[in-house]
Amino acid sequence: MTSTDLAEDRDLALQLHRLLSEIDPVRWKDEMAAALKSGLADLQPRLARRHTTLADTLKAELPASDTRSSWLTFKQRMQPAYMEFAKRLQAAQVHVPSLRPTNYRRSLLHVSSGVFAVF
């Protein structure tokens, strides 16, 4: 794989990561669905040229409705495909972020532990 291919794959992974990260149960608003559909529709043909399995998964799992639950299910089903893509890139020494849900309770625990340790 050439460095140009790896750079293009990194860009695809980062764009997909950004879109999937926007699907967050804490920050979800139904108005976000149209922008997400548009972004995913733009990304899908670019993915199809280089990664047909990932593009097919995206197309098959895209929610028909704009409800919060359907988008959260979509993210849950896309996460393994994205992580497989990310692993292949990481094996080629290309860093891409992992998908993690927002977890305010855990963050609060860590902040509290830090504050407690200081005192």
C-alpha atoms as a PDB file:
ATOM      1  CA  MET A   1       0.000   0.000   0.000  1.00  0.00           C
ATOM      2  CA  THR A   2       1.423   3.390  -0.965  1.00  0.00           C
ATOM      3  CA  SER A   3       1.620   6.388   1.327  1.00  0.00           C
ATOM      4  CA  THR A   4      -1.037   8.094  -0.817  1.00  0.00           C
ATOM      5  CA  ASP A   5      -3.386   5.134  -0.264  1.00  0.00           C
ATOM      6  CA  LEU A   6      -2.711   5.212   3.469  1.00  0.00           C
ATOM      7  CA  ALA A   7      -3.347   8.963   3.616  1.00  0.00           C
ATOM      8  CA  GLU A   8      -6.642   8.534   1.757  1.00  0.00           C
ATOM      9  CA  ASP A   9      -7.650   5.667   4.050  1.00  0.00           C
ATOM     10  CA  ARG A  10      -6.762   7.768   7.102  1.00  0.00           C
ATOM     11  CA  ASP A  11      -8.944  10.595   5.785  1.00  0.00           C
ATOM     12  CA  LEU A  12     -11.832   8.193   5.198  1.00  0.00           C
ATOM     13  CA  ALA A  13     -11.453   6.734   8.687  1.00  0.00           C
ATOM     14  CA  LEU A  14     -11.319  10.173  10.295  1.00  0.00           C
ATOM     15  CA  GLN A  15     -14.422  11.320   8.431  1.00  0.00           C
ATOM     16  CA  LEU A  16     -16.305   8.156   9.403  1.00  0.00           C
ATOM     17  CA  HIS A  17     -15.126   8.515  12.997  1.00  0.00           C
ATOM     18  CA  ARG A  18     -16.321  12.133  13.122  1.00  0.00           C
ATOM     19  CA  LEU A  19     -19.763  11.174  11.806  1.00  0.00           C
ATOM     20  CA  LEU A  20     -20.147   8.178  14.124  1.00  0.00           C
ATOM     21  CA  SER A  21     -18.944  10.224  17.106  1.00  0.00           C
ATOM     22  CA  GLU A  22     -21.754  12.705  16.522  1.00  0.00           C
ATOM     23  CA  ILE A  23     -24.216   9.904  17.244  1.00  0.00           C
ATOM     24  CA  ASP A  24     -23.998  10.174  20.998  1.00  0.00           C
ATOM     25  CA  PRO A  25     -26.859   9.405  23.386  1.00  0.00           C
ATOM     26  CA  VAL A  26     -25.979  12.371  25.572  1.00  0.00           C
ATOM     27  CA  ARG A  27     -25.882  14.972  22.795  1.00  0.00           C
ATOM     28  CA  TRP A  28     -28.428  13.529  20.338  1.00  0.00           C
ATOM     29  CA  LYS A  29     -31.036  15.811  18.776  1.00  0.00           C
ATOM     30  CA  ASP A  30     -33.396  14.583  16.051  1.00  0.00           C
ATOM     31  CA  GLU A  31     -32.354  17.529  13.856  1.00  0.00           C
ATOM     32  CA  MET A  32     -28.895  15.960  13.529  1.00  0.00           C
ATOM     33  CA  ALA A  33     -30.207  13.086  11.418  1.00  0.00           C
ATOM     34  CA  ALA A  34     -30.371  15.038   8.141  1.00  0.00           C
ATOM     35  CA  ALA A  35     -26.772  16.249   8.416  1.00  0.00           C
ATOM     36  CA  LEU A  36     -25.579  12.761   9.331  1.00  0.00           C
ATOM     37  CA  LYS A  37     -27.418  11.196   6.388  1.00  0.00           C
ATOM     38  CA  SER A  38     -25.876  13.765   4.062  1.00  0.00           C
ATOM     39  CA  GLY A  39     -22.373  13.198   5.418  1.00  0.00           C
ATOM     40  CA  LEU A  40     -22.711   9.429   5.233  1.00  0.00           C
ATOM     41  CA  ALA A  41     -24.145   9.643   1.699  1.00  0.00           C
ATOM     42  CA  ASP A  42     -21.082  11.647   0.634  1.00  0.00           C
ATOM     43  CA  LEU A  43     -18.723   9.214   2.332  1.00  0.00           C
ATOM     44  CA  GLN A  44     -20.284   5.965   1.094  1.00  0.00           C
ATOM     45  CA  PRO A  45     -19.177   6.179  -2.581  1.00  0.00           C
ATOM     46  CA  ARG A  46     -15.643   7.151  -1.539  1.00  0.00           C
ATOM     47  CA  LEU A  47     -15.538   4.138   0.772  1.00  0.00           C
ATOM     48  CA  ALA A  48     -16.972   1.912  -1.972  1.00  0.00           C
ATOM     49  CA  ARG A  49     -14.001   2.660  -4.252  1.00  0.00           C
ATOM     50  CA  ARG A  50     -11.500   1.343  -1.710  1.00  0.00           C
ATOM     51  CA  HIS A  51     -13.350  -0.655   0.977  1.00  0.00           C
ATOM     52  CA  THR A  52     -16.452  -2.307  -0.421  1.00  0.00           C
ATOM     53  CA  THR A  53     -17.268  -4.345   2.696  1.00  0.00           C
ATOM     54  CA  LEU A  54     -17.264  -1.273   4.932  1.00  0.00           C
ATOM     55  CA  ALA A  55     -19.273   0.712   2.366  1.00  0.00           C
ATOM     56  CA  ASP A  56     -21.793  -2.118   2.024  1.00  0.00           C
ATOM     57  CA  THR A  57     -22.157  -2.333   5.806  1.00  0.00           C
ATOM     58  CA  LEU A  58     -22.734   1.408   6.006  1.00  0.00           C
ATOM     59  CA  LYS A  59     -25.343   1.299   3.254  1.00  0.00           C
ATOM     60  CA  ALA A  60     -27.137  -1.730   4.720  1.00  0.00           C
ATOM     61  CA  GLU A  61     -27.248  -0.374   8.267  1.00  0.00           C
ATOM     62  CA  LEU A  62     -28.215   3.243   7.488  1.00  0.00           C
ATOM     63  CA  PRO A  63     -31.381   3.969   9.489  1.00  0.00           C
ATOM     64  CA  ALA A  64     -34.641   4.453   7.640  1.00  0.00           C
ATOM     65  CA  SER A  65     -36.089   6.634  10.391  1.00  0.00           C
ATOM     66  CA  ASP A  66     -34.627   9.668  12.126  1.00  0.00           C
ATOM     67  CA  THR A  67     -35.295   8.462  15.659  1.00  0.00           C
ATOM     68  CA  ARG A  68     -32.650   8.480  18.348  1.00  0.00           C
ATOM     69  CA  SER A  69     -32.893   4.723  18.902  1.00  0.00           C
ATOM     70  CA  SER A  70     -32.431   3.871  15.214  1.00  0.00           C
ATOM     71  CA  TRP A  71     -29.305   6.053  15.004  1.00  0.00           C
ATOM     72  CA  LEU A  72     -27.861   4.580  18.207  1.00  0.00           C
ATOM     73  CA  THR A  73     -28.472   1.103  16.788  1.00  0.00           C
ATOM     74  CA  PHE A  74     -26.772   2.168  13.556  1.00  0.00           C
ATOM     75  CA  LYS A  75     -23.704   3.330  15.484  1.00  0.00           C
ATOM     76  CA  GLN A  76     -23.619   0.108  17.489  1.00  0.00           C
ATOM     77  CA  ARG A  77     -23.731  -1.971  14.292  1.00  0.00           C
ATOM     78  CA  MET A  78     -21.122   0.177  12.516  1.00  0.00           C
ATOM     79  CA  GLN A  79     -18.665   0.162  15.398  1.00  0.00           C
ATOM     80  CA  PRO A  80     -17.179  -3.323  14.719  1.00  0.00           C
ATOM     81  CA  ALA A  81     -16.729  -2.495  11.012  1.00  0.00           C
ATOM     82  CA  TYR A  82     -15.047   0.814  11.857  1.00  0.00           C
ATOM     83  CA  MET A  83     -12.785  -0.820  14.457  1.00  0.00           C
ATOM     84  CA  GLU A  84     -11.714  -3.489  11.959  1.00  0.00           C
ATOM     85  CA  PHE A  85     -10.841  -0.721   9.480  1.00  0.00           C
ATOM     86  CA  ALA A  86      -8.947   1.149  12.219  1.00  0.00           C
ATOM     87  CA  LYS A  87      -6.997  -2.000  13.181  1.00  0.00           C
ATOM     88  CA  ARG A  88      -5.853  -2.486   9.585  1.00  0.00           C
ATOM     89  CA  LEU A  89      -4.677   1.118   9.463  1.00  0.00           C
ATOM     90  CA  GLN A  90      -2.935   0.857  12.823  1.00  0.00           C
ATOM     91  CA  ALA A  91      -1.126  -2.260  11.589  1.00  0.00           C
ATOM     92  CA  ALA A  92       0.211  -0.053   8.784  1.00  0.00           C
ATOM     93  CA  GLN A  93       1.393   2.516  11.380  1.00  0.00           C
ATOM     94  CA  VAL A  94      -1.483   4.937  10.670  1.00  0.00           C
ATOM     95  CA  HIS A  95      -3.104   6.294  13.822  1.00  0.00           C
ATOM     96  CA  VAL A  96      -6.873   6.708  13.833  1.00  0.00           C
ATOM     97  CA  PRO A  97      -9.017   7.177  16.952  1.00  0.00           C
ATOM     98  CA  SER A  98     -11.191   4.485  18.441  1.00  0.00           C
ATOM     99  CA  LEU A  99     -14.911   4.955  18.984  1.00  0.00           C
ATOM    100  CA  ARG A 100     -15.873   5.394  22.602  1.00  0.00           C
ATOM    101  CA  PRO A 101     -19.186   6.542  24.042  1.00  0.00           C
ATOM    102  CA  THR A 102     -19.413   9.596  26.249  1.00  0.00           C
ATOM    103  CA  ASN A 103     -19.278   8.386  29.830  1.00  0.00           C
ATOM    104  CA  TYR A 104     -19.777  11.281  32.223  1.00  0.00           C
ATOM    105  CA  ARG A 105     -19.969   9.036  35.295  1.00  0.00           C
ATOM    106  CA  ARG A 106     -16.551   7.588  34.619  1.00  0.00           C
ATOM    107  CA  SER A 107     -15.112  11.044  33.913  1.00  0.00           C
ATOM    108  CA  LEU A 108     -16.582  12.338  37.170  1.00  0.00           C
ATOM    109  CA  LEU A 109     -15.070   9.400  39.039  1.00  0.00           C
ATOM    110  CA  HIS A 110     -11.623  10.162  37.610  1.00  0.00           C
ATOM    111  CA  VAL A 111     -11.872  13.881  38.410  1.00  0.00           C
ATOM    112  CA  SER A 112     -13.090  13.117  41.924  1.00  0.00           C
ATOM    113  CA  SER A 113     -10.237  10.650  42.455  1.00  0.00           C
ATOM    114  CA  GLY A 114      -7.735  13.258  41.302  1.00  0.00           C
ATOM    115  CA  VAL A 115      -9.171  15.933  43.569  1.00  0.00           C
ATOM    116  CA  PHE A 116      -9.265  13.499  46.502  1.00  0.00           C
ATOM    117  CA  ALA A 117      -5.615  12.510  45.868  1.00  0.00           C
ATOM    118  CA  VAL A 118      -4.544  16.161  45.956  1.00  0.00           C
ATOM    119  CA  PHE A 119      -6.202  16.699  49.339  1.00  0.00           C
END
